[in-house]
Amino acid sequence: AVVVCGLYLSRKSATFFSPTVRLQTMA
């Protein structure tokens, strides 16, 4: 469940993460 959820959200993150949020989240 957590692996599938991580794979799915990683694929979709380009559509809902703004650049600023993406940098903060990855850090």
mmCIF file of all heavy atoms, coordinates in Angstrom:
data_MODEL
# 
_entry.id   MODEL 
# 
loop_
_atom_site.group_PDB 
_atom_site.id 
_atom_site.type_symbol 
_atom_site.label_atom_id 
_atom_site.label_alt_id 
_atom_site.label_comp_id 
_atom_site.label_asym_id 
_atom_site.label_entity_id 
_atom_site.label_seq_id 
_atom_site.pdbx_PDB_ins_code 
_atom_site.Cartn_x 
_atom_site.Cartn_y 
_atom_site.Cartn_z 
_atom_site.occupancy 
_atom_site.B_iso_or_equiv 
_atom_site.pdbx_formal_charge 
_atom_site.auth_seq_id 
_atom_site.auth_comp_id 
_atom_site.auth_asym_id 
_atom_site.auth_atom_id 
_atom_site.pdbx_PDB_model_num 
ATOM 1   N N   . ALA A 1 1  ? 0.826  -1.207 0.000   1.00 0.00 ? 1  ALA A N   1 
ATOM 2   C CA  . ALA A 1 1  ? 0.000  0.000  0.000   1.00 0.00 ? 1  ALA A CA  1 
ATOM 3   C C   . ALA A 1 1  ? 0.860  1.257  0.000   1.00 0.00 ? 1  ALA A C   1 
ATOM 4   O O   . ALA A 1 1  ? 0.628  2.183  -0.782  1.00 0.00 ? 1  ALA A O   1 
ATOM 5   C CB  . ALA A 1 1  ? -0.944 -0.005 1.203   1.00 0.00 ? 1  ALA A CB  1 
ATOM 6   N N   . VAL A 1 2  ? 1.849  1.308  0.871   1.00 0.00 ? 2  VAL A N   1 
ATOM 7   C CA  . VAL A 1 2  ? 2.669  2.520  0.952   1.00 0.00 ? 2  VAL A CA  1 
ATOM 8   C C   . VAL A 1 2  ? 3.572  2.652  -0.273  1.00 0.00 ? 2  VAL A C   1 
ATOM 9   O O   . VAL A 1 2  ? 3.815  3.769  -0.753  1.00 0.00 ? 2  VAL A O   1 
ATOM 10  C CB  . VAL A 1 2  ? 3.482  2.529  2.265   1.00 0.00 ? 2  VAL A CB  1 
ATOM 11  C CG1 . VAL A 1 2  ? 4.600  1.517  2.245   1.00 0.00 ? 2  VAL A CG1 1 
ATOM 12  C CG2 . VAL A 1 2  ? 4.055  3.914  2.539   1.00 0.00 ? 2  VAL A CG2 1 
ATOM 13  N N   . VAL A 1 3  ? 4.038  1.546  -0.834  1.00 0.00 ? 3  VAL A N   1 
ATOM 14  C CA  . VAL A 1 3  ? 4.864  1.603  -2.044  1.00 0.00 ? 3  VAL A CA  1 
ATOM 15  C C   . VAL A 1 3  ? 4.049  2.101  -3.228  1.00 0.00 ? 3  VAL A C   1 
ATOM 16  O O   . VAL A 1 3  ? 4.485  2.992  -3.985  1.00 0.00 ? 3  VAL A O   1 
ATOM 17  C CB  . VAL A 1 3  ? 5.480  0.224  -2.347  1.00 0.00 ? 3  VAL A CB  1 
ATOM 18  C CG1 . VAL A 1 3  ? 6.070  0.185  -3.749  1.00 0.00 ? 3  VAL A CG1 1 
ATOM 19  C CG2 . VAL A 1 3  ? 6.549  -0.113 -1.323  1.00 0.00 ? 3  VAL A CG2 1 
ATOM 20  N N   . VAL A 1 4  ? 2.853  1.555  -3.408  1.00 0.00 ? 4  VAL A N   1 
ATOM 21  C CA  . VAL A 1 4  ? 1.994  1.984  -4.519  1.00 0.00 ? 4  VAL A CA  1 
ATOM 22  C C   . VAL A 1 4  ? 1.604  3.450  -4.364  1.00 0.00 ? 4  VAL A C   1 
ATOM 23  O O   . VAL A 1 4  ? 1.616  4.231  -5.330  1.00 0.00 ? 4  VAL A O   1 
ATOM 24  C CB  . VAL A 1 4  ? 0.741  1.085  -4.600  1.00 0.00 ? 4  VAL A CB  1 
ATOM 25  C CG1 . VAL A 1 4  ? -0.290 1.674  -5.563  1.00 0.00 ? 4  VAL A CG1 1 
ATOM 26  C CG2 . VAL A 1 4  ? 1.129  -0.314 -5.044  1.00 0.00 ? 4  VAL A CG2 1 
ATOM 27  N N   . CYS A 1 5  ? 1.258  3.843  -3.149  1.00 0.00 ? 5  CYS A N   1 
ATOM 28  C CA  . CYS A 1 5  ? 0.895  5.239  -2.901  1.00 0.00 ? 5  CYS A CA  1 
ATOM 29  C C   . CYS A 1 5  ? 2.078  6.165  -3.202  1.00 0.00 ? 5  CYS A C   1 
ATOM 30  O O   . CYS A 1 5  ? 1.909  7.227  -3.818  1.00 0.00 ? 5  CYS A O   1 
ATOM 31  C CB  . CYS A 1 5  ? 0.439  5.403  -1.457  1.00 0.00 ? 5  CYS A CB  1 
ATOM 32  S SG  . CYS A 1 5  ? -0.234 7.026  -1.065  1.00 0.00 ? 5  CYS A SG  1 
ATOM 33  N N   . GLY A 1 6  ? 3.282  5.779  -2.776  1.00 0.00 ? 6  GLY A N   1 
ATOM 34  C CA  . GLY A 1 6  ? 4.457  6.594  -3.054  1.00 0.00 ? 6  GLY A CA  1 
ATOM 35  C C   . GLY A 1 6  ? 4.753  6.705  -4.536  1.00 0.00 ? 6  GLY A C   1 
ATOM 36  O O   . GLY A 1 6  ? 5.075  7.789  -5.043  1.00 0.00 ? 6  GLY A O   1 
ATOM 37  N N   . LEU A 1 7  ? 4.650  5.587  -5.261  1.00 0.00 ? 7  LEU A N   1 
ATOM 38  C CA  . LEU A 1 7  ? 4.876  5.609  -6.700  1.00 0.00 ? 7  LEU A CA  1 
ATOM 39  C C   . LEU A 1 7  ? 3.850  6.501  -7.400  1.00 0.00 ? 7  LEU A C   1 
ATOM 40  O O   . LEU A 1 7  ? 4.191  7.289  -8.293  1.00 0.00 ? 7  LEU A O   1 
ATOM 41  C CB  . LEU A 1 7  ? 4.796  4.188  -7.267  1.00 0.00 ? 7  LEU A CB  1 
ATOM 42  C CG  . LEU A 1 7  ? 5.966  3.245  -6.991  1.00 0.00 ? 7  LEU A CG  1 
ATOM 43  C CD1 . LEU A 1 7  ? 5.606  1.813  -7.390  1.00 0.00 ? 7  LEU A CD1 1 
ATOM 44  C CD2 . LEU A 1 7  ? 7.216  3.695  -7.736  1.00 0.00 ? 7  LEU A CD2 1 
ATOM 45  N N   . TYR A 1 8  ? 2.576  6.384  -6.994  1.00 0.00 ? 8  TYR A N   1 
ATOM 46  C CA  . TYR A 1 8  ? 1.510  7.162  -7.633  1.00 0.00 ? 8  TYR A CA  1 
ATOM 47  C C   . TYR A 1 8  ? 1.680  8.656  -7.374  1.00 0.00 ? 8  TYR A C   1 
ATOM 48  O O   . TYR A 1 8  ? 1.607  9.474  -8.298  1.00 0.00 ? 8  TYR A O   1 
ATOM 49  C CB  . TYR A 1 8  ? 0.154  6.677  -7.118  1.00 0.00 ? 8  TYR A CB  1 
ATOM 50  C CG  . TYR A 1 8  ? -1.010 7.442  -7.692  1.00 0.00 ? 8  TYR A CG  1 
ATOM 51  C CD1 . TYR A 1 8  ? -1.517 7.134  -8.950  1.00 0.00 ? 8  TYR A CD1 1 
ATOM 52  C CD2 . TYR A 1 8  ? -1.610 8.484  -6.985  1.00 0.00 ? 8  TYR A CD2 1 
ATOM 53  C CE1 . TYR A 1 8  ? -2.577 7.836  -9.491  1.00 0.00 ? 8  TYR A CE1 1 
ATOM 54  C CE2 . TYR A 1 8  ? -2.672 9.196  -7.514  1.00 0.00 ? 8  TYR A CE2 1 
ATOM 55  C CZ  . TYR A 1 8  ? -3.149 8.867  -8.763  1.00 0.00 ? 8  TYR A CZ  1 
ATOM 56  O OH  . TYR A 1 8  ? -4.201 9.570  -9.296  1.00 0.00 ? 8  TYR A OH  1 
ATOM 57  N N   . LEU A 1 9  ? 1.908  9.026  -6.118  1.00 0.00 ? 9  LEU A N   1 
ATOM 58  C CA  . LEU A 1 9  ? 2.035  10.442 -5.782  1.00 0.00 ? 9  LEU A CA  1 
ATOM 59  C C   . LEU A 1 9  ? 3.298  11.056 -6.388  1.00 0.00 ? 9  LEU A C   1 
ATOM 60  O O   . LEU A 1 9  ? 3.295  12.227 -6.775  1.00 0.00 ? 9  LEU A O   1 
ATOM 61  C CB  . LEU A 1 9  ? 2.037  10.629 -4.264  1.00 0.00 ? 9  LEU A CB  1 
ATOM 62  C CG  . LEU A 1 9  ? 0.704  10.354 -3.570  1.00 0.00 ? 9  LEU A CG  1 
ATOM 63  C CD1 . LEU A 1 9  ? 0.840  10.520 -2.065  1.00 0.00 ? 9  LEU A CD1 1 
ATOM 64  C CD2 . LEU A 1 9  ? -0.376 11.290 -4.100  1.00 0.00 ? 9  LEU A CD2 1 
ATOM 65  N N   . SER A 1 10 ? 4.365  10.276 -6.463  1.00 0.00 ? 10 SER A N   1 
ATOM 66  C CA  . SER A 1 10 ? 5.575  10.779 -7.097  1.00 0.00 ? 10 SER A CA  1 
ATOM 67  C C   . SER A 1 10 ? 5.319  11.105 -8.566  1.00 0.00 ? 10 SER A C   1 
ATOM 68  O O   . SER A 1 10 ? 5.781  12.128 -9.087  1.00 0.00 ? 10 SER A O   1 
ATOM 69  C CB  . SER A 1 10 ? 6.693  9.738  -6.977  1.00 0.00 ? 10 SER A CB  1 
ATOM 70  O OG  . SER A 1 10 ? 7.843  10.142 -7.682  1.00 0.00 ? 10 SER A OG  1 
ATOM 71  N N   . ARG A 1 11 ? 4.552  10.239 -9.214  1.00 0.00 ? 11 ARG A N   1 
ATOM 72  C CA  . ARG A 1 11 ? 4.225  10.452 -10.628 1.00 0.00 ? 11 ARG A CA  1 
ATOM 73  C C   . ARG A 1 11 ? 3.344  11.682 -10.814 1.00 0.00 ? 11 ARG A C   1 
ATOM 74  O O   . ARG A 1 11 ? 3.491  12.437 -11.782 1.00 0.00 ? 11 ARG A O   1 
ATOM 75  C CB  . ARG A 1 11 ? 3.513  9.202  -11.160 1.00 0.00 ? 11 ARG A CB  1 
ATOM 76  C CG  . ARG A 1 11 ? 3.255  9.189  -12.642 1.00 0.00 ? 11 ARG A CG  1 
ATOM 77  C CD  . ARG A 1 11 ? 4.496  8.834  -13.400 1.00 0.00 ? 11 ARG A CD  1 
ATOM 78  N NE  . ARG A 1 11 ? 4.226  8.592  -14.808 1.00 0.00 ? 11 ARG A NE  1 
ATOM 79  C CZ  . ARG A 1 11 ? 5.151  8.265  -15.697 1.00 0.00 ? 11 ARG A CZ  1 
ATOM 80  N NH1 . ARG A 1 11 ? 6.394  8.135  -15.309 1.00 0.00 ? 11 ARG A NH1 1 
ATOM 81  N NH2 . ARG A 1 11 ? 4.842  8.068  -16.953 1.00 0.00 ? 11 ARG A NH2 1 
ATOM 82  N N   . LYS A 1 12 ? 2.415  11.899 -9.867  1.00 0.00 ? 12 LYS A N   1 
ATOM 83  C CA  . LYS A 1 12 ? 1.443  12.992 -9.976  1.00 0.00 ? 12 LYS A CA  1 
ATOM 84  C C   . LYS A 1 12 ? 1.928  14.302 -9.364  1.00 0.00 ? 12 LYS A C   1 
ATOM 85  O O   . LYS A 1 12 ? 1.279  15.336 -9.536  1.00 0.00 ? 12 LYS A O   1 
ATOM 86  C CB  . LYS A 1 12 ? 0.129  12.588 -9.292  1.00 0.00 ? 12 LYS A CB  1 
ATOM 87  C CG  . LYS A 1 12 ? -0.621 11.461 -9.980  1.00 0.00 ? 12 LYS A CG  1 
ATOM 88  C CD  . LYS A 1 12 ? -1.164 11.913 -11.323 1.00 0.00 ? 12 LYS A CD  1 
ATOM 89  C CE  . LYS A 1 12 ? -2.000 10.842 -11.985 1.00 0.00 ? 12 LYS A CE  1 
ATOM 90  N NZ  . LYS A 1 12 ? -2.537 11.275 -13.295 1.00 0.00 ? 12 LYS A NZ  1 
ATOM 91  N N   . SER A 1 13 ? 3.025  14.276 -8.641  1.00 0.00 ? 13 SER A N   1 
ATOM 92  C CA  . SER A 1 13 ? 3.437  15.461 -7.884  1.00 0.00 ? 13 SER A CA  1 
ATOM 93  C C   . SER A 1 13 ? 3.718  16.659 -8.778  1.00 0.00 ? 13 SER A C   1 
ATOM 94  O O   . SER A 1 13 ? 3.599  17.808 -8.335  1.00 0.00 ? 13 SER A O   1 
ATOM 95  C CB  . SER A 1 13 ? 4.680  15.138 -7.038  1.00 0.00 ? 13 SER A CB  1 
ATOM 96  O OG  . SER A 1 13 ? 5.774  14.798 -7.871  1.00 0.00 ? 13 SER A OG  1 
ATOM 97  N N   . ALA A 1 14 ? 4.101  16.414 -10.036 1.00 0.00 ? 14 ALA A N   1 
ATOM 98  C CA  . ALA A 1 14 ? 4.375  17.532 -10.936 1.00 0.00 ? 14 ALA A CA  1 
ATOM 99  C C   . ALA A 1 14 ? 3.133  18.371 -11.195 1.00 0.00 ? 14 ALA A C   1 
ATOM 100 O O   . ALA A 1 14 ? 3.235  19.550 -11.561 1.00 0.00 ? 14 ALA A O   1 
ATOM 101 C CB  . ALA A 1 14 ? 4.933  17.009 -12.259 1.00 0.00 ? 14 ALA A CB  1 
ATOM 102 N N   . THR A 1 15 ? 1.949  17.790 -10.977 1.00 0.00 ? 15 THR A N   1 
ATOM 103 C CA  . THR A 1 15 ? 0.712  18.514 -11.263 1.00 0.00 ? 15 THR A CA  1 
ATOM 104 C C   . THR A 1 15 ? 0.159  19.268 -10.062 1.00 0.00 ? 15 THR A C   1 
ATOM 105 O O   . THR A 1 15 ? -0.693 20.141 -10.236 1.00 0.00 ? 15 THR A O   1 
ATOM 106 C CB  . THR A 1 15 ? -0.379 17.538 -11.758 1.00 0.00 ? 15 THR A CB  1 
ATOM 107 O OG1 . THR A 1 15 ? -0.686 16.590 -10.715 1.00 0.00 ? 15 THR A OG1 1 
ATOM 108 C CG2 . THR A 1 15 ? 0.098  16.769 -12.979 1.00 0.00 ? 15 THR A CG2 1 
ATOM 109 N N   . PHE A 1 16 ? 0.610  18.936 -8.842  1.00 0.00 ? 16 PHE A N   1 
ATOM 110 C CA  . PHE A 1 16 ? 0.048  19.635 -7.682  1.00 0.00 ? 16 PHE A CA  1 
ATOM 111 C C   . PHE A 1 16 ? 1.084  20.291 -6.777  1.00 0.00 ? 16 PHE A C   1 
ATOM 112 O O   . PHE A 1 16 ? 0.717  21.053 -5.895  1.00 0.00 ? 16 PHE A O   1 
ATOM 113 C CB  . PHE A 1 16 ? -0.861 18.707 -6.863  1.00 0.00 ? 16 PHE A CB  1 
ATOM 114 C CG  . PHE A 1 16 ? -0.206 17.463 -6.326  1.00 0.00 ? 16 PHE A CG  1 
ATOM 115 C CD1 . PHE A 1 16 ? 0.687  17.505 -5.280  1.00 0.00 ? 16 PHE A CD1 1 
ATOM 116 C CD2 . PHE A 1 16 ? -0.512 16.216 -6.876  1.00 0.00 ? 16 PHE A CD2 1 
ATOM 117 C CE1 . PHE A 1 16 ? 1.268  16.350 -4.779  1.00 0.00 ? 16 PHE A CE1 1 
ATOM 118 C CE2 . PHE A 1 16 ? 0.068  15.055 -6.389  1.00 0.00 ? 16 PHE A CE2 1 
ATOM 119 C CZ  . PHE A 1 16 ? 0.964  15.128 -5.334  1.00 0.00 ? 16 PHE A CZ  1 
ATOM 120 N N   . PHE A 1 17 ? 2.368  20.019 -6.957  1.00 0.00 ? 17 PHE A N   1 
ATOM 121 C CA  . PHE A 1 17 ? 3.399  20.689 -6.172  1.00 0.00 ? 17 PHE A CA  1 
ATOM 122 C C   . PHE A 1 17 ? 3.875  21.938 -6.921  1.00 0.00 ? 17 PHE A C   1 
ATOM 123 O O   . PHE A 1 17 ? 4.267  21.850 -8.088  1.00 0.00 ? 17 PHE A O   1 
ATOM 124 C CB  . PHE A 1 17 ? 4.599  19.779 -5.933  1.00 0.00 ? 17 PHE A CB  1 
ATOM 125 C CG  . PHE A 1 17 ? 4.494  18.935 -4.702  1.00 0.00 ? 17 PHE A CG  1 
ATOM 126 C CD1 . PHE A 1 17 ? 5.489  18.021 -4.393  1.00 0.00 ? 17 PHE A CD1 1 
ATOM 127 C CD2 . PHE A 1 17 ? 3.421  19.044 -3.839  1.00 0.00 ? 17 PHE A CD2 1 
ATOM 128 C CE1 . PHE A 1 17 ? 5.410  17.232 -3.259  1.00 0.00 ? 17 PHE A CE1 1 
ATOM 129 C CE2 . PHE A 1 17 ? 3.319  18.259 -2.700  1.00 0.00 ? 17 PHE A CE2 1 
ATOM 130 C CZ  . PHE A 1 17 ? 4.313  17.350 -2.411  1.00 0.00 ? 17 PHE A CZ  1 
ATOM 131 N N   . SER A 1 18 ? 3.854  23.081 -6.247  1.00 0.00 ? 18 SER A N   1 
ATOM 132 C CA  . SER A 1 18 ? 4.482  24.265 -6.816  1.00 0.00 ? 18 SER A CA  1 
ATOM 133 C C   . SER A 1 18 ? 5.997  24.123 -6.653  1.00 0.00 ? 18 SER A C   1 
ATOM 134 O O   . SER A 1 18 ? 6.469  23.328 -5.833  1.00 0.00 ? 18 SER A O   1 
ATOM 135 C CB  . SER A 1 18 ? 3.992  25.520 -6.099  1.00 0.00 ? 18 SER A CB  1 
ATOM 136 O OG  . SER A 1 18 ? 4.411  25.517 -4.746  1.00 0.00 ? 18 SER A OG  1 
ATOM 137 N N   . PRO A 1 19 ? 6.791  24.881 -7.441  1.00 0.00 ? 19 PRO A N   1 
ATOM 138 C CA  . PRO A 1 19 ? 8.251  24.764 -7.299  1.00 0.00 ? 19 PRO A CA  1 
ATOM 139 C C   . PRO A 1 19 ? 8.746  25.002 -5.880  1.00 0.00 ? 19 PRO A C   1 
ATOM 140 O O   . PRO A 1 19 ? 9.635  24.292 -5.395  1.00 0.00 ? 19 PRO A O   1 
ATOM 141 C CB  . PRO A 1 19 ? 8.779  25.834 -8.268  1.00 0.00 ? 19 PRO A CB  1 
ATOM 142 C CG  . PRO A 1 19 ? 7.699  25.989 -9.281  1.00 0.00 ? 19 PRO A CG  1 
ATOM 143 C CD  . PRO A 1 19 ? 6.421  25.767 -8.544  1.00 0.00 ? 19 PRO A CD  1 
ATOM 144 N N   . THR A 1 20 ? 8.189  25.997 -5.197  1.00 0.00 ? 20 THR A N   1 
ATOM 145 C CA  . THR A 1 20 ? 8.626  26.296 -3.829  1.00 0.00 ? 20 THR A CA  1 
ATOM 146 C C   . THR A 1 20 ? 8.325  25.140 -2.896  1.00 0.00 ? 20 THR A C   1 
ATOM 147 O O   . THR A 1 20 ? 9.173  24.719 -2.094  1.00 0.00 ? 20 THR A O   1 
ATOM 148 C CB  . THR A 1 20 ? 7.938  27.572 -3.324  1.00 0.00 ? 20 THR A CB  1 
ATOM 149 O OG1 . THR A 1 20 ? 8.257  28.664 -4.189  1.00 0.00 ? 20 THR A OG1 1 
ATOM 150 C CG2 . THR A 1 20 ? 8.394  27.901 -1.902  1.00 0.00 ? 20 THR A CG2 1 
ATOM 151 N N   . VAL A 1 21 ? 7.119  24.591 -2.986  1.00 0.00 ? 21 VAL A N   1 
ATOM 152 C CA  . VAL A 1 21 ? 6.736  23.471 -2.126  1.00 0.00 ? 21 VAL A CA  1 
ATOM 153 C C   . VAL A 1 21 ? 7.583  22.252 -2.424  1.00 0.00 ? 21 VAL A C   1 
ATOM 154 O O   . VAL A 1 21 ? 7.996  21.520 -1.513  1.00 0.00 ? 21 VAL A O   1 
ATOM 155 C CB  . VAL A 1 21 ? 5.234  23.158 -2.298  1.00 0.00 ? 21 VAL A CB  1 
ATOM 156 C CG1 . VAL A 1 21 ? 4.877  21.837 -1.622  1.00 0.00 ? 21 VAL A CG1 1 
ATOM 157 C CG2 . VAL A 1 21 ? 4.386  24.284 -1.731  1.00 0.00 ? 21 VAL A CG2 1 
ATOM 158 N N   . ARG A 1 22 ? 7.884  22.029 -3.700  1.00 0.00 ? 22 ARG A N   1 
ATOM 159 C CA  . ARG A 1 22 ? 8.687  20.857 -4.062  1.00 0.00 ? 22 ARG A CA  1 
ATOM 160 C C   . ARG A 1 22 ? 10.078 20.950 -3.442  1.00 0.00 ? 22 ARG A C   1 
ATOM 161 O O   . ARG A 1 22 ? 10.597 19.965 -2.902  1.00 0.00 ? 22 ARG A O   1 
ATOM 162 C CB  . ARG A 1 22 ? 8.787  20.740 -5.581  1.00 0.00 ? 22 ARG A CB  1 
ATOM 163 C CG  . ARG A 1 22 ? 9.528  19.488 -6.043  1.00 0.00 ? 22 ARG A CG  1 
ATOM 164 C CD  . ARG A 1 22 ? 9.571  19.380 -7.558  1.00 0.00 ? 22 ARG A CD  1 
ATOM 165 N NE  . ARG A 1 22 ? 8.234  19.218 -8.105  1.00 0.00 ? 22 ARG A NE  1 
ATOM 166 C CZ  . ARG A 1 22 ? 7.576  20.166 -8.764  1.00 0.00 ? 22 ARG A CZ  1 
ATOM 167 N NH1 . ARG A 1 22 ? 8.131  21.343 -8.963  1.00 0.00 ? 22 ARG A NH1 1 
ATOM 168 N NH2 . ARG A 1 22 ? 6.372  19.943 -9.227  1.00 0.00 ? 22 ARG A NH2 1 
ATOM 169 N N   . LEU A 1 23 ? 10.690 22.112 -3.503  1.00 0.00 ? 23 LEU A N   1 
ATOM 170 C CA  . LEU A 1 23 ? 12.021 22.286 -2.905  1.00 0.00 ? 23 LEU A CA  1 
ATOM 171 C C   . LEU A 1 23 ? 11.974 22.080 -1.394  1.00 0.00 ? 23 LEU A C   1 
ATOM 172 O O   . LEU A 1 23 ? 12.844 21.415 -0.820  1.00 0.00 ? 23 LEU A O   1 
ATOM 173 C CB  . LEU A 1 23 ? 12.560 23.680 -3.228  1.00 0.00 ? 23 LEU A CB  1 
ATOM 174 C CG  . LEU A 1 23 ? 12.950 23.938 -4.688  1.00 0.00 ? 23 LEU A CG  1 
ATOM 175 C CD1 . LEU A 1 23 ? 13.267 25.415 -4.906  1.00 0.00 ? 23 LEU A CD1 1 
ATOM 176 C CD2 . LEU A 1 23 ? 14.137 23.081 -5.084  1.00 0.00 ? 23 LEU A CD2 1 
ATOM 177 N N   . GLN A 1 24 ? 10.956 22.648 -0.747  1.00 0.00 ? 24 GLN A N   1 
ATOM 178 C CA  . GLN A 1 24 ? 10.831 22.485 0.702   1.00 0.00 ? 24 GLN A CA  1 
ATOM 179 C C   . GLN A 1 24 ? 10.610 21.026 1.075   1.00 0.00 ? 24 GLN A C   1 
ATOM 180 O O   . GLN A 1 24 ? 11.237 20.508 2.006   1.00 0.00 ? 24 GLN A O   1 
ATOM 181 C CB  . GLN A 1 24 ? 9.665  23.345 1.215   1.00 0.00 ? 24 GLN A CB  1 
ATOM 182 C CG  . GLN A 1 24 ? 9.899  24.836 1.129   1.00 0.00 ? 24 GLN A CG  1 
ATOM 183 C CD  . GLN A 1 24 ? 8.667  25.626 1.550   1.00 0.00 ? 24 GLN A CD  1 
ATOM 184 O OE1 . GLN A 1 24 ? 7.537  25.173 1.389   1.00 0.00 ? 24 GLN A OE1 1 
ATOM 185 N NE2 . GLN A 1 24 ? 8.880  26.811 2.090   1.00 0.00 ? 24 GLN A NE2 1 
ATOM 186 N N   . THR A 1 25 ? 9.722  20.363 0.358   1.00 0.00 ? 25 THR A N   1 
ATOM 187 C CA  . THR A 1 25 ? 9.380  18.973 0.680   1.00 0.00 ? 25 THR A CA  1 
ATOM 188 C C   . THR A 1 25 ? 10.572 18.052 0.498   1.00 0.00 ? 25 THR A C   1 
ATOM 189 O O   . THR A 1 25 ? 10.856 17.200 1.350   1.00 0.00 ? 25 THR A O   1 
ATOM 190 C CB  . THR A 1 25 ? 8.207  18.502 -0.203  1.00 0.00 ? 25 THR A CB  1 
ATOM 191 O OG1 . THR A 1 25 ? 7.094  19.375 -0.029  1.00 0.00 ? 25 THR A OG1 1 
ATOM 192 C CG2 . THR A 1 25 ? 7.792  17.089 0.160   1.00 0.00 ? 25 THR A CG2 1 
ATOM 193 N N   . MET A 1 26 ? 11.294 18.220 -0.614  1.00 0.00 ? 26 MET A N   1 
ATOM 194 C CA  . MET A 1 26 ? 12.441 17.357 -0.858  1.00 0.00 ? 26 MET A CA  1 
ATOM 195 C C   . MET A 1 26 ? 13.528 17.562 0.197   1.00 0.00 ? 26 MET A C   1 
ATOM 196 O O   . MET A 1 26 ? 14.174 16.605 0.633   1.00 0.00 ? 26 MET A O   1 
ATOM 197 C CB  . MET A 1 26 ? 13.011 17.618 -2.255  1.00 0.00 ? 26 MET A CB  1 
ATOM 198 C CG  . MET A 1 26 ? 12.106 17.201 -3.400  1.00 0.00 ? 26 MET A CG  1 
ATOM 199 S SD  . MET A 1 26 ? 11.703 15.429 -3.380  1.00 0.00 ? 26 MET A SD  1 
ATOM 200 C CE  . MET A 1 26 ? 10.050 15.467 -2.651  1.00 0.00 ? 26 MET A CE  1 
ATOM 201 N N   . ALA A 1 27 ? 13.714 18.813 0.626   1.00 0.00 ? 27 ALA A N   1 
ATOM 202 C CA  . ALA A 1 27 ? 14.740 19.079 1.648   1.00 0.00 ? 27 ALA A CA  1 
ATOM 203 C C   . ALA A 1 27 ? 14.380 18.404 2.969   1.00 0.00 ? 27 ALA A C   1 
ATOM 204 O O   . ALA A 1 27 ? 15.230 17.782 3.615   1.00 0.00 ? 27 ALA A O   1 
ATOM 205 C CB  . ALA A 1 27 ? 14.895 20.587 1.843   1.00 0.00 ? 27 ALA A CB  1 
# 
